[in-house]
């Protein structure tokens, strides 16, 4: 269970980092002028990763709850 929690934490960190990278790229107004297709692809990727992040957070919460319950017994 602890290993699964660590994996979920790693997933959360990875997704959070990638979202920050995408946000930094999308913050450049010239991106939309230079490469509108890349901007659209980054927006799509951000939406997908946001969903994966939410799932990883839900998984972490569920695993942490199970771990705490097991430790309380």
Protein backbone atom coordinates (compact mmCIF):
# COMPACT_ATOMS: atom_id res chain seq x y z
CA UNK A 1 0.00 0.00 0.00
CA UNK A 2 2.83 2.39 0.83
CA UNK A 3 4.43 1.67 -2.54
CA UNK A 4 1.15 2.48 -4.30
CA UNK A 5 0.92 5.75 -2.36
CA UNK A 6 4.47 6.67 -3.41
CA UNK A 7 3.60 5.87 -7.03
CA UNK A 8 0.51 8.07 -6.83
CA UNK A 9 2.59 10.88 -5.31
CA UNK A 10 5.10 10.52 -8.12
CA UNK A 11 2.31 10.66 -10.71
CA UNK A 12 0.90 13.81 -9.09
CA UNK A 13 4.33 15.47 -9.12
CA UNK A 14 4.96 14.50 -12.76
CA UNK A 15 1.57 15.76 -13.94
CA UNK A 16 1.88 18.98 -11.93
CA UNK A 17 5.32 19.64 -13.44
CA UNK A 18 4.10 19.05 -16.99
CA UNK A 19 1.10 21.34 -16.48
CA UNK A 20 3.46 24.07 -15.27
CA UNK A 21 5.64 23.59 -18.36
CA UNK A 22 2.62 23.81 -20.65
CA UNK A 23 1.29 26.86 -18.81
CA UNK A 24 4.65 28.59 -19.25
CA UNK A 25 4.61 27.87 -22.97
CA UNK A 26 1.00 29.01 -23.32
CA UNK A 27 1.77 32.24 -21.45
CA UNK A 28 3.85 33.38 -24.42
CA UNK A 29 1.49 35.40 -26.64
CA UNK A 30 3.84 34.92 -29.58
CA UNK A 31 3.17 31.18 -29.53
CA UNK A 32 -0.32 31.79 -30.88
CA UNK A 33 1.08 33.92 -33.71
CA UNK A 34 4.08 31.74 -34.54
CA UNK A 35 2.51 28.30 -34.19
CA UNK A 36 -1.23 28.21 -33.59
CA UNK A 37 -1.29 24.44 -34.16
CA UNK A 38 1.25 23.90 -31.37
CA UNK A 39 -0.77 26.15 -29.06
CA UNK A 40 -3.87 24.08 -29.79
CA UNK A 41 -1.96 20.83 -29.20
CA UNK A 42 -0.62 22.14 -25.89
CA UNK A 43 -4.11 23.15 -24.79
CA UNK A 44 -5.36 19.66 -25.63
CA UNK A 45 -2.45 18.03 -23.81
CA UNK A 46 -3.07 20.25 -20.78
CA UNK A 47 -6.71 19.15 -20.64
CA UNK A 48 -5.69 15.49 -20.82
CA UNK A 49 -3.03 15.87 -18.15
CA UNK A 50 -5.42 17.78 -15.92
CA UNK A 51 -7.74 14.78 -16.07
CA UNK A 52 -4.87 12.43 -15.30
CA UNK A 53 -3.84 14.66 -12.39
CA UNK A 54 -7.34 14.59 -10.95
CA UNK A 55 -7.40 10.79 -11.23
CA UNK A 56 -3.98 10.51 -9.57
CA UNK A 57 -5.13 12.77 -6.73
CA UNK A 58 -8.30 10.71 -6.26
CA UNK A 59 -6.21 7.53 -6.24
CA UNK A 60 -3.81 9.02 -3.68
CA UNK A 61 -6.69 10.06 -1.42
CA UNK A 62 -8.26 6.60 -1.59
CA UNK A 63 -4.95 4.83 -0.92
CA UNK A 64 -4.07 7.18 1.92
CA UNK A 65 -7.45 6.62 3.51
CA UNK A 66 -7.04 2.84 3.26
CA UNK A 67 -3.53 3.10 4.74
CA UNK A 68 -4.71 5.24 7.65
CA UNK A 69 -7.56 2.81 8.33
CA UNK A 70 -5.18 -0.13 8.28
CA UNK A 71 -2.79 1.63 10.65
CA UNK A 72 -5.64 2.48 13.05
CA UNK A 73 -6.59 -1.19 13.45
